[in-house]
PDB file of N, CA and C in Angstrom:
ATOM      1  N   UNK A   1    -105.918-139.546  55.691  1.00  0.00           N
ATOM      2  CA  UNK A   1    -105.873-138.489  54.703  1.00  0.00           C
ATOM      3  C   UNK A   1    -104.468-138.489  54.084  1.00  0.00           C
ATOM      4  N   UNK A   2    -104.431-138.417  52.746  1.00  0.00           N
ATOM      5  CA  UNK A   2    -103.123-138.398  52.095  1.00  0.00           C
ATOM      6  C   UNK A   2    -102.619-136.963  51.933  1.00  0.00           C
ATOM      7  N   UNK A   3    -101.391-136.842  51.518  1.00  0.00           N
ATOM      8  CA  UNK A   3    -100.761-135.518  51.404  1.00  0.00           C
ATOM      9  C   UNK A   3    -101.491-134.650  50.392  1.00  0.00           C
ATOM     10  N   UNK A   4    -101.919-135.239  49.286  1.00  0.00           N
ATOM     11  CA  UNK A   4    -102.618-134.466  48.251  1.00  0.00           C
ATOM     12  C   UNK A   4    -103.888-133.828  48.812  1.00  0.00           C
ATOM     13  N   UNK A   5    -104.675-134.606  49.556  1.00  0.00           N
ATOM     14  CA  UNK A   5    -105.894-134.069  50.162  1.00  0.00           C
ATOM     15  C   UNK A   5    -105.580-132.967  51.166  1.00  0.00           C
ATOM     16  N   UNK A   6    -104.558-133.180  51.943  1.00  0.00           N
ATOM     17  CA  UNK A   6    -104.162-132.192  52.946  1.00  0.00           C
ATOM     18  C   UNK A   6    -103.738-130.882  52.290  1.00  0.00           C
ATOM     19  N   UNK A   7    -102.929-130.965  51.261  1.00  0.00           N
ATOM     20  CA  UNK A   7    -102.493-129.761  50.530  1.00  0.00           C
ATOM     21  C   UNK A   7    -103.702-129.078  49.888  1.00  0.00           C
ATOM     22  N   UNK A   8    -104.618-129.878  49.327  1.00  0.00           N
ATOM     23  CA  UNK A   8    -105.821-129.310  48.720  1.00  0.00           C
ATOM     24  C   UNK A   8    -106.665-128.547  49.716  1.00  0.00           C
ATOM     25  N   UNK A   9    -106.851-129.105  50.881  1.00  0.00           N
ATOM     26  CA  UNK A   9    -107.634-128.409  51.920  1.00  0.00           C
ATOM     27  C   UNK A   9    -106.948-127.141  52.400  1.00  0.00           C
ATOM     28  N   UNK A  10    -105.643-127.209  52.568  1.00  0.00           N
ATOM     29  CA  UNK A  10    -104.891-126.023  52.973  1.00  0.00           C
ATOM     30  C   UNK A  10    -105.006-124.933  51.922  1.00  0.00           C
ATOM     31  N   UNK A  11    -104.864-125.305  50.665  1.00  0.00           N
ATOM     32  CA  UNK A  11    -104.958-124.333  49.565  1.00  0.00           C
ATOM     33  C   UNK A  11    -106.334-123.677  49.544  1.00  0.00           C
ATOM     34  N   UNK A  12    -107.396-124.460  49.725  1.00  0.00           N
ATOM     35  CA  UNK A  12    -108.745-123.904  49.741  1.00  0.00           C
ATOM     36  C   UNK A  12    -108.926-122.910  50.879  1.00  0.00           C
ATOM     37  N   UNK A  13    -108.354-123.188  52.040  1.00  0.00           N
ATOM     38  CA  UNK A  13    -108.448-122.254  53.164  1.00  0.00           C
ATOM     39  C   UNK A  13    -107.715-120.954  52.869  1.00  0.00           C
ATOM     40  N   UNK A  14    -106.583-121.045  52.200  1.00  0.00           N
ATOM     41  CA  UNK A  14    -105.814-119.849  51.856  1.00  0.00           C
ATOM     42  C   UNK A  14    -106.542-119.000  50.819  1.00  0.00           C
ATOM     43  N   UNK A  15    -107.339-119.632  49.976  1.00  0.00           N
ATOM     44  CA  UNK A  15    -108.062-118.923  48.923  1.00  0.00           C
ATOM     45  C   UNK A  15    -109.203-118.071  49.472  1.00  0.00           C
ATOM     46  N   UNK A  16    -109.665-118.386  50.653  1.00  0.00           N
ATOM     47  CA  UNK A  16    -110.805-117.673  51.203  1.00  0.00           C
ATOM     48  C   UNK A  16    -112.093-118.329  50.743  1.00  0.00           C
ATOM     49  N   UNK A  17    -113.209-117.647  50.982  1.00  0.00           N
ATOM     50  CA  UNK A  17    -114.501-118.241  50.631  1.00  0.00           C
ATOM     51  C   UNK A  17    -114.662-118.357  49.119  1.00  0.00           C
ATOM     52  N   UNK A  18    -115.442-119.335  48.667  1.00  0.00           N
ATOM     53  CA  UNK A  18    -115.686-119.474  47.227  1.00  0.00           C
ATOM     54  C   UNK A  18    -116.412-118.254  46.677  1.00  0.00           C
ATOM     55  N   UNK A  19    -116.184-117.979  45.419  1.00  0.00           N
ATOM     56  CA  UNK A  19    -116.831-116.855  44.765  1.00  0.00           C
ATOM     57  C   UNK A  19    -118.185-117.288  44.212  1.00  0.00           C
ATOM     58  N   UNK A  20    -119.073-116.334  44.101  1.00  0.00           N
ATOM     59  CA  UNK A  20    -120.386-116.587  43.498  1.00  0.00           C
ATOM     60  C   UNK A  20    -120.286-116.285  42.006  1.00  0.00           C
ATOM     61  N   UNK A  21    -120.506-117.278  41.175  1.00  0.00           N
ATOM     62  CA  UNK A  21    -120.525-117.089  39.721  1.00  0.00           C
ATOM     63  C   UNK A  21    -121.753-117.803  39.173  1.00  0.00           C
ATOM     64  N   UNK A  22    -122.346-117.200  38.169  1.00  0.00           N
ATOM     65  CA  UNK A  22    -123.485-117.831  37.500  1.00  0.00           C
ATOM     66  C   UNK A  22    -122.976-118.670  36.334  1.00  0.00           C
ATOM     67  N   UNK A  23    -123.848-119.516  35.825  1.00  0.00           N
ATOM     68  CA  UNK A  23    -123.506-120.309  34.647  1.00  0.00           C
ATOM     69  C   UNK A  23    -123.149-119.388  33.491  1.00  0.00           C
ATOM     70  N   UNK A  24    -123.913-118.316  33.306  1.00  0.00           N
ATOM     71  CA  UNK A  24    -123.647-117.370  32.221  1.00  0.00           C
ATOM     72  C   UNK A  24    -122.267-116.726  32.367  1.00  0.00           C
ATOM     73  N   UNK A  25    -121.870-116.421  33.591  1.00  0.00           N
ATOM     74  CA  UNK A  25    -120.539-115.834  33.812  1.00  0.00           C
ATOM     75  C   UNK A  25    -119.432-116.824  33.454  1.00  0.00           C
ATOM     76  N   UNK A  26    -119.603-118.078  33.838  1.00  0.00           N
ATOM     77  CA  UNK A  26    -118.597-119.090  33.531  1.00  0.00           C
ATOM     78  C   UNK A  26    -118.511-119.289  32.019  1.00  0.00           C
ATOM     79  N   UNK A  27    -119.668-119.332  31.351  1.00  0.00           N
ATOM     80  CA  UNK A  27    -119.678-119.442  29.890  1.00  0.00           C
ATOM     81  C   UNK A  27    -118.914-118.280  29.264  1.00  0.00           C
ATOM     82  N   UNK A  28    -119.176-117.073  29.735  1.00  0.00           N
ATOM     83  CA  UNK A  28    -118.518-115.885  29.174  1.00  0.00           C
ATOM     84  C   UNK A  28    -117.003-115.943  29.346  1.00  0.00           C
ATOM     85  N   UNK A  29    -116.544-116.381  30.498  1.00  0.00           N
ATOM     86  CA  UNK A  29    -115.101-116.477  30.738  1.00  0.00           C
ATOM     87  C   UNK A  29    -114.478-117.523  29.816  1.00  0.00           C
ATOM     88  N   UNK A  30    -115.119-118.679  29.701  1.00  0.00           N
ATOM     89  CA  UNK A  30    -114.591-119.727  28.825  1.00  0.00           C
ATOM     90  C   UNK A  30    -114.582-119.262  27.362  1.00  0.00           C
ATOM     91  N   UNK A  31    -115.623-118.555  26.948  1.00  0.00           N
ATOM     92  CA  UNK A  31    -115.665-118.032  25.576  1.00  0.00           C
ATOM     93  C   UNK A  31    -114.534-117.040  25.328  1.00  0.00           C
ATOM     94  N   UNK A  32    -114.313-116.141  26.284  1.00  0.00           N
ATOM     95  CA  UNK A  32    -113.233-115.157  26.118  1.00  0.00           C
ATOM     96  C   UNK A  32    -111.873-115.846  26.045  1.00  0.00           C
ATOM     97  N   UNK A  33    -111.680-116.903  26.835  1.00  0.00           N
ATOM     98  CA  UNK A  33    -110.414-117.634  26.775  1.00  0.00           C
ATOM     99  C   UNK A  33    -110.224-118.261  25.397  1.00  0.00           C
ATOM    100  N   UNK A  34    -111.276-118.844  24.842  1.00  0.00           N
ATOM    101  CA  UNK A  34    -111.171-119.438  23.507  1.00  0.00           C
ATOM    102  C   UNK A  34    -110.887-118.386  22.440  1.00  0.00           C
ATOM    103  N   UNK A  35    -111.476-117.210  22.602  1.00  0.00           N
ATOM    104  CA  UNK A  35    -111.284-116.123  21.637  1.00  0.00           C
ATOM    105  C   UNK A  35    -109.946-115.411  21.819  1.00  0.00           C
ATOM    106  N   UNK A  36    -109.285-115.700  22.921  1.00  0.00           N
ATOM    107  CA  UNK A  36    -108.019-115.034  23.201  1.00  0.00           C
ATOM    108  C   UNK A  36    -108.174-113.651  23.797  1.00  0.00           C
ATOM    109  N   UNK A  37    -109.380-113.327  24.250  1.00  0.00           N
ATOM    110  CA  UNK A  37    -109.612-111.991  24.802  1.00  0.00           C
ATOM    111  C   UNK A  37    -109.677-111.965  26.328  1.00  0.00           C
ATOM    112  N   UNK A  38    -109.561-113.116  26.971  1.00  0.00           N
ATOM    113  CA  UNK A  38    -109.512-113.138  28.448  1.00  0.00           C
ATOM    114  C   UNK A  38    -108.129-112.662  28.880  1.00  0.00           C
ATOM    115  N   UNK A  39    -108.094-111.776  29.831  1.00  0.00           N
ATOM    116  CA  UNK A  39    -106.792-111.331  30.329  1.00  0.00           C
ATOM    117  C   UNK A  39    -106.155-112.466  31.132  1.00  0.00           C
ATOM    118  N   UNK A  40    -104.853-112.397  31.284  1.00  0.00           N
ATOM    119  CA  UNK A  40    -104.149-113.414  32.076  1.00  0.00           C
ATOM    120  C   UNK A  40    -104.678-113.434  33.505  1.00  0.00           C
ATOM    121  N   UNK A  41    -104.966-112.256  34.063  1.00  0.00           N
ATOM    122  CA  UNK A  41    -105.504-112.191  35.429  1.00  0.00           C
ATOM    123  C   UNK A  41    -106.889-112.814  35.522  1.00  0.00           C
ATOM    124  N   UNK A  42    -107.747-112.543  34.537  1.00  0.00           N
ATOM    125  CA  UNK A  42    -109.099-113.101  34.556  1.00  0.00           C
ATOM    126  C   UNK A  42    -109.040-114.633  34.485  1.00  0.00           C
ATOM    127  N   UNK A  43    -108.213-115.164  33.592  1.00  0.00           N
ATOM    128  CA  UNK A  43    -108.124-116.619  33.451  1.00  0.00           C
ATOM    129  C   UNK A  43    -107.510-117.241  34.698  1.00  0.00           C
ATOM    130  N   UNK A  44    -106.512-116.591  35.251  1.00  0.00           N
ATOM    131  CA  UNK A  44    -105.890-117.099  36.476  1.00  0.00           C
ATOM    132  C   UNK A  44    -106.885-117.101  37.634  1.00  0.00           C
ATOM    133  N   UNK A  45    -107.669-116.034  37.766  1.00  0.00           N
ATOM    134  CA  UNK A  45    -108.691-115.978  38.818  1.00  0.00           C
ATOM    135  C   UNK A  45    -109.716-117.091  38.632  1.00  0.00           C
ATOM    136  N   UNK A  46    -110.161-117.299  37.390  1.00  0.00           N
ATOM    137  CA  UNK A  46    -111.142-118.350  37.130  1.00  0.00           C
ATOM    138  C   UNK A  46    -110.585-119.710  37.541  1.00  0.00           C
ATOM    139  N   UNK A  47    -109.360-119.981  37.159  1.00  0.00           N
ATOM    140  CA  UNK A  47    -108.768-121.286  37.441  1.00  0.00           C
ATOM    141  C   UNK A  47    -108.447-121.476  38.915  1.00  0.00           C
ATOM    142  N   UNK A  48    -108.152-120.397  39.618  1.00  0.00           N
ATOM    143  CA  UNK A  48    -107.612-120.500  40.980  1.00  0.00           C
ATOM    144  C   UNK A  48    -108.620-120.329  42.108  1.00  0.00           C
ATOM    145  N   UNK A  49    -109.698-119.606  41.868  1.00  0.00           N
ATOM    146  CA  UNK A  49    -110.634-119.276  42.953  1.00  0.00           C
ATOM    147  C   UNK A  49    -111.839-120.217  42.895  1.00  0.00           C
ATOM    148  N   UNK A  50    -112.069-120.995  43.937  1.00  0.00           N
ATOM    149  CA  UNK A  50    -113.212-121.910  43.957  1.00  0.00           C
ATOM    150  C   UNK A  50    -114.536-121.177  43.744  1.00  0.00           C
ATOM    151  N   UNK A  51    -115.488-121.888  43.138  1.00  0.00           N
ATOM    152  CA  UNK A  51    -116.827-121.354  42.872  1.00  0.00           C
ATOM    153  C   UNK A  51    -117.802-122.035  43.832  1.00  0.00           C
ATOM    154  N   UNK A  52    -118.704-121.257  44.404  1.00  0.00           N
ATOM    155  CA  UNK A  52    -119.634-121.780  45.409  1.00  0.00           C
ATOM    156  C   UNK A  52    -120.513-122.905  44.856  1.00  0.00           C
ATOM    157  N   UNK A  53    -120.975-122.783  43.633  1.00  0.00           N
ATOM    158  CA  UNK A  53    -121.815-123.818  43.017  1.00  0.00           C
ATOM    159  C   UNK A  53    -120.937-125.027  42.684  1.00  0.00           C
ATOM    160  N   UNK A  54    -121.213-126.181  43.277  1.00  0.00           N
ATOM    161  CA  UNK A  54    -120.340-127.347  43.069  1.00  0.00           C
ATOM    162  C   UNK A  54    -120.243-127.794  41.612  1.00  0.00           C
ATOM    163  N   UNK A  55    -121.329-127.656  40.837  1.00  0.00           N
ATOM    164  CA  UNK A  55    -121.276-128.045  39.424  1.00  0.00           C
ATOM    165  C   UNK A  55    -120.362-127.116  38.626  1.00  0.00           C
ATOM    166  N   UNK A  56    -120.451-125.823  38.898  1.00  0.00           N
ATOM    167  CA  UNK A  56    -119.583-124.869  38.202  1.00  0.00           C
ATOM    168  C   UNK A  56    -118.141-124.995  38.679  1.00  0.00           C
ATOM    169  N   UNK A  57    -117.967-125.340  39.942  1.00  0.00           N
ATOM    170  CA  UNK A  57    -116.608-125.539  40.437  1.00  0.00           C
ATOM    171  C   UNK A  57    -115.978-126.765  39.785  1.00  0.00           C
ATOM    172  N   UNK A  58    -116.784-127.770  39.485  1.00  0.00           N
ATOM    173  CA  UNK A  58    -116.265-128.949  38.775  1.00  0.00           C
ATOM    174  C   UNK A  58    -115.789-128.554  37.378  1.00  0.00           C
ATOM    175  N   UNK A  59    -116.503-127.632  36.734  1.00  0.00           N
ATOM    176  CA  UNK A  59    -116.076-127.123  35.420  1.00  0.00           C
ATOM    177  C   UNK A  59    -114.757-126.369  35.572  1.00  0.00           C
ATOM    178  N   UNK A  60    -114.661-125.558  36.607  1.00  0.00           N
ATOM    179  CA  UNK A  60    -113.425-124.810  36.864  1.00  0.00           C
ATOM    180  C   UNK A  60    -112.261-125.775  37.039  1.00  0.00           C
ATOM    181  N   UNK A  61    -112.456-126.805  37.836  1.00  0.00           N
ATOM    182  CA  UNK A  61    -111.379-127.771  38.085  1.00  0.00           C
ATOM    183  C   UNK A  61    -110.999-128.518  36.813  1.00  0.00           C
ATOM    184  N   UNK A  62    -111.998-128.887  36.017  1.00  0.00           N
ATOM    185  CA  UNK A  62    -111.726-129.595  34.769  1.00  0.00           C
ATOM    186  C   UNK A  62    -110.868-128.748  33.831  1.00  0.00           C
ATOM    187  N   UNK A  63    -111.099-127.447  33.842  1.00  0.00           N
ATOM    188  CA  UNK A  63    -110.386-126.540  32.945  1.00  0.00           C
ATOM    189  C   UNK A  63    -109.172-125.878  33.584  1.00  0.00           C
ATOM    190  N   UNK A  64    -108.832-126.306  34.793  1.00  0.00           N
ATOM    191  CA  UNK A  64    -107.731-125.668  35.511  1.00  0.00           C
ATOM    192  C   UNK A  64    -106.437-125.627  34.696  1.00  0.00           C
ATOM    193  N   UNK A  65    -106.113-126.707  34.034  1.00  0.00           N
ATOM    194  CA  UNK A  65    -104.870-126.756  33.265  1.00  0.00           C
ATOM    195  C   UNK A  65    -105.088-126.471  31.789  1.00  0.00           C
ATOM    196  N   UNK A  66    -106.316-126.157  31.414  1.00  0.00           N
ATOM    197  CA  UNK A  66    -106.619-125.859  30.016  1.00  0.00           C
ATOM    198  C   UNK A  66    -106.259-124.413  29.695  1.00  0.00           C
ATOM    199  N   UNK A  67    -106.144-124.153  28.440  1.00  0.00           N
ATOM    200  CA  UNK A  67    -105.893-122.814  27.930  1.00  0.00           C
ATOM    201  C   UNK A  67    -106.109-122.861  26.436  1.00  0.00           C
ATOM    202  N   UNK A  68    -106.169-121.727  25.804  1.00  0.00           N
ATOM    203  CA  UNK A  68    -106.515-121.689  24.389  1.00  0.00           C
ATOM    204  C   UNK A  68    -105.348-122.040  23.469  1.00  0.00           C
ATOM    205  N   UNK A  69    -104.147-122.202  24.030  1.00  0.00           N
ATOM    206  CA  UNK A  69    -102.983-122.396  23.169  1.00  0.00           C
ATOM    207  C   UNK A  69    -102.783-123.827  22.666  1.00  0.00           C
ATOM    208  N   UNK A  70    -103.314-124.831  23.333  1.00  0.00           N
ATOM    209  CA  UNK A  70    -103.138-126.216  22.914  1.00  0.00           C
ATOM    210  C   UNK A  70    -104.461-126.795  22.399  1.00  0.00           C
ATOM    211  N   UNK A  71    -104.416-127.557  21.293  1.00  0.00           N
ATOM    212  CA  UNK A  71    -105.669-128.121  20.752  1.00  0.00           C
ATOM    213  C   UNK A  71    -106.440-128.961  21.770  1.00  0.00           C
ATOM    214  N   UNK A  72    -105.741-129.783  22.562  1.00  0.00           N
ATOM    215  CA  UNK A  72    -106.434-130.611  23.551  1.00  0.00           C
ATOM    216  C   UNK A  72    -107.123-129.748  24.600  1.00  0.00           C
ATOM    217  N   UNK A  73    -106.467-128.672  24.976  1.00  0.00           N
ATOM    218  CA  UNK A  73    -107.050-127.760  25.967  1.00  0.00           C
ATOM    219  C   UNK A  73    -108.260-127.046  25.393  1.00  0.00           C
ATOM    220  N   UNK A  74    -108.157-126.636  24.140  1.00  0.00           N
ATOM    221  CA  UNK A  74    -109.293-125.977  23.480  1.00  0.00           C
ATOM    222  C   UNK A  74    -110.491-126.918  23.453  1.00  0.00           C
ATOM    223  N   UNK A  75    -110.241-128.196  23.183  1.00  0.00           N
ATOM    224  CA  UNK A  75    -111.328-129.173  23.133  1.00  0.00           C
ATOM    225  C   UNK A  75    -111.982-129.332  24.498  1.00  0.00           C
ATOM    226  N   UNK A  76    -111.190-129.313  25.552  1.00  0.00           N
ATOM    227  CA  UNK A  76    -111.743-129.402  26.908  1.00  0.00           C
ATOM    228  C   UNK A  76    -112.648-128.211  27.183  1.00  0.00           C
ATOM    229  N   UNK A  77    -112.190-127.031  26.832  1.00  0.00           N
ATOM    230  CA  UNK A  77    -112.997-125.820  27.041  1.00  0.00           C
ATOM    231  C   UNK A  77    -114.260-125.879  26.190  1.00  0.00           C
ATOM    232  N   UNK A  78    -114.127-126.292  24.935  1.00  0.00           N
ATOM    233  CA  UNK A  78    -115.292-126.369  24.043  1.00  0.00           C
ATOM    234  C   UNK A  78    -116.330-127.360  24.559  1.00  0.00           C
ATOM    235  N   UNK A  79    -115.880-128.508  25.084  1.00  0.00           N
ATOM    236  CA  UNK A  79    -116.821-129.488  25.666  1.00  0.00           C
ATOM    237  C   UNK A  79    -117.530-128.895  26.879  1.00  0.00           C
ATOM    238  N   UNK A  80    -116.777-128.201  27.714  1.00  0.00           N
ATOM    239  CA  UNK A  80    -117.385-127.565  28.891  1.00  0.00           C
ATOM    240  C   UNK A  80    -118.424-126.540  28.469  1.00  0.00           C
ATOM    241  N   UNK A  81    -118.093-125.742  27.451  1.00  0.00           N
ATOM    242  CA  UNK A  81    -119.038-124.737  26.962  1.00  0.00           C
ATOM    243  C   UNK A  81    -120.317-125.387  26.440  1.00  0.00           C
ATOM    244  N   UNK A  82    -120.173-126.453  25.674  1.00  0.00           N
ATOM    245  CA  UNK A  82    -121.353-127.131  25.124  1.00  0.00           C
ATOM    246  C   UNK A  82    -122.248-127.656  26.250  1.00  0.00           C
ATOM    247  N   UNK A  83    -121.655-128.258  27.262  1.00  0.00           N
ATOM    248  CA  UNK A  83    -122.430-128.790  28.382  1.00  0.00           C
ATOM    249  C   UNK A  83    -123.127-127.671  29.154  1.00  0.00           C
ATOM    250  N   UNK A  84    -122.414-126.578  29.399  1.00  0.00           N
ATOM    251  CA  UNK A  84    -123.010-125.463  30.146  1.00  0.00           C
ATOM    252  C   UNK A  84    -124.132-124.808  29.351  1.00  0.00           C
ATOM    253  N   UNK A  85    -123.942-124.644  28.051  1.00  0.00           N
ATOM    254  CA  UNK A  85    -125.000-124.052  27.213  1.00  0.00           C
ATOM    255  C   UNK A  85    -126.246-124.934  27.213  1.00  0.00           C
ATOM    256  N   UNK A  86    -126.035-126.243  27.162  1.00  0.00           N
ATOM    257  CA  UNK A  86    -127.163-127.175  27.191  1.00  0.00           C
ATOM    258  C   UNK A  86    -127.911-127.074  28.520  1.00  0.00           C
ATOM    259  N   UNK A  87    -127.167-127.013  29.616  1.00  0.00           N
ATOM    260  CA  UNK A  87    -127.790-126.859  30.937  1.00  0.00           C
ATOM    261  C   UNK A  87    -128.593-125.576  31.019  1.00  0.00           C
ATOM    262  N   UNK A  88    -128.012-124.504  30.503  1.00  0.00           N
ATOM    263  CA  UNK A  88    -128.681-123.206  30.534  1.00  0.00           C
ATOM    264  C   UNK A  88    -129.963-123.237  29.710  1.00  0.00           C
ATOM    265  N   UNK A  89    -129.938-123.927  28.582  1.00  0.00           N
ATOM    266  CA  UNK A  89    -131.103-123.996  27.694  1.00  0.00           C
ATOM    267  C   UNK A  89    -132.235-124.818  28.280  1.00  0.00           C
ATOM    268  N   UNK A  90    -131.906-125.792  29.119  1.00  0.00           N
ATOM    269  CA  UNK A  90    -132.940-126.669  29.675  1.00  0.00           C
ATOM    270  C   UNK A  90    -133.505-126.175  31.007  1.00  0.00           C
ATOM    271  N   UNK A  91    -133.015-125.063  31.484  1.00  0.00           N
ATOM    272  CA  UNK A  91    -133.534-124.518  32.759  1.00  0.00           C
ATOM    273  C   UNK A  91    -134.795-123.733  32.550  1.00  0.00           C
TER     274      UNK A  91
END
């Protein structure tokens, strides 16, 4: 095990159990971040607290360093939103 993996596991233990979030909740948070209406605490919680659903947690990790202030970050969030909306529509 390398140091990065070890630190990652330690961090996850410190965070406590993963939170339960639905696809709709993740979409709403990402939309608010793009609109600039997500509070700093809400965005920090989204980025920092693991999500029980592994697919949604992958979205969280992908957007961990994203934010609405940089064009590249906005594009990452927009791609995530498009994928999540498509998943929601096909269920």
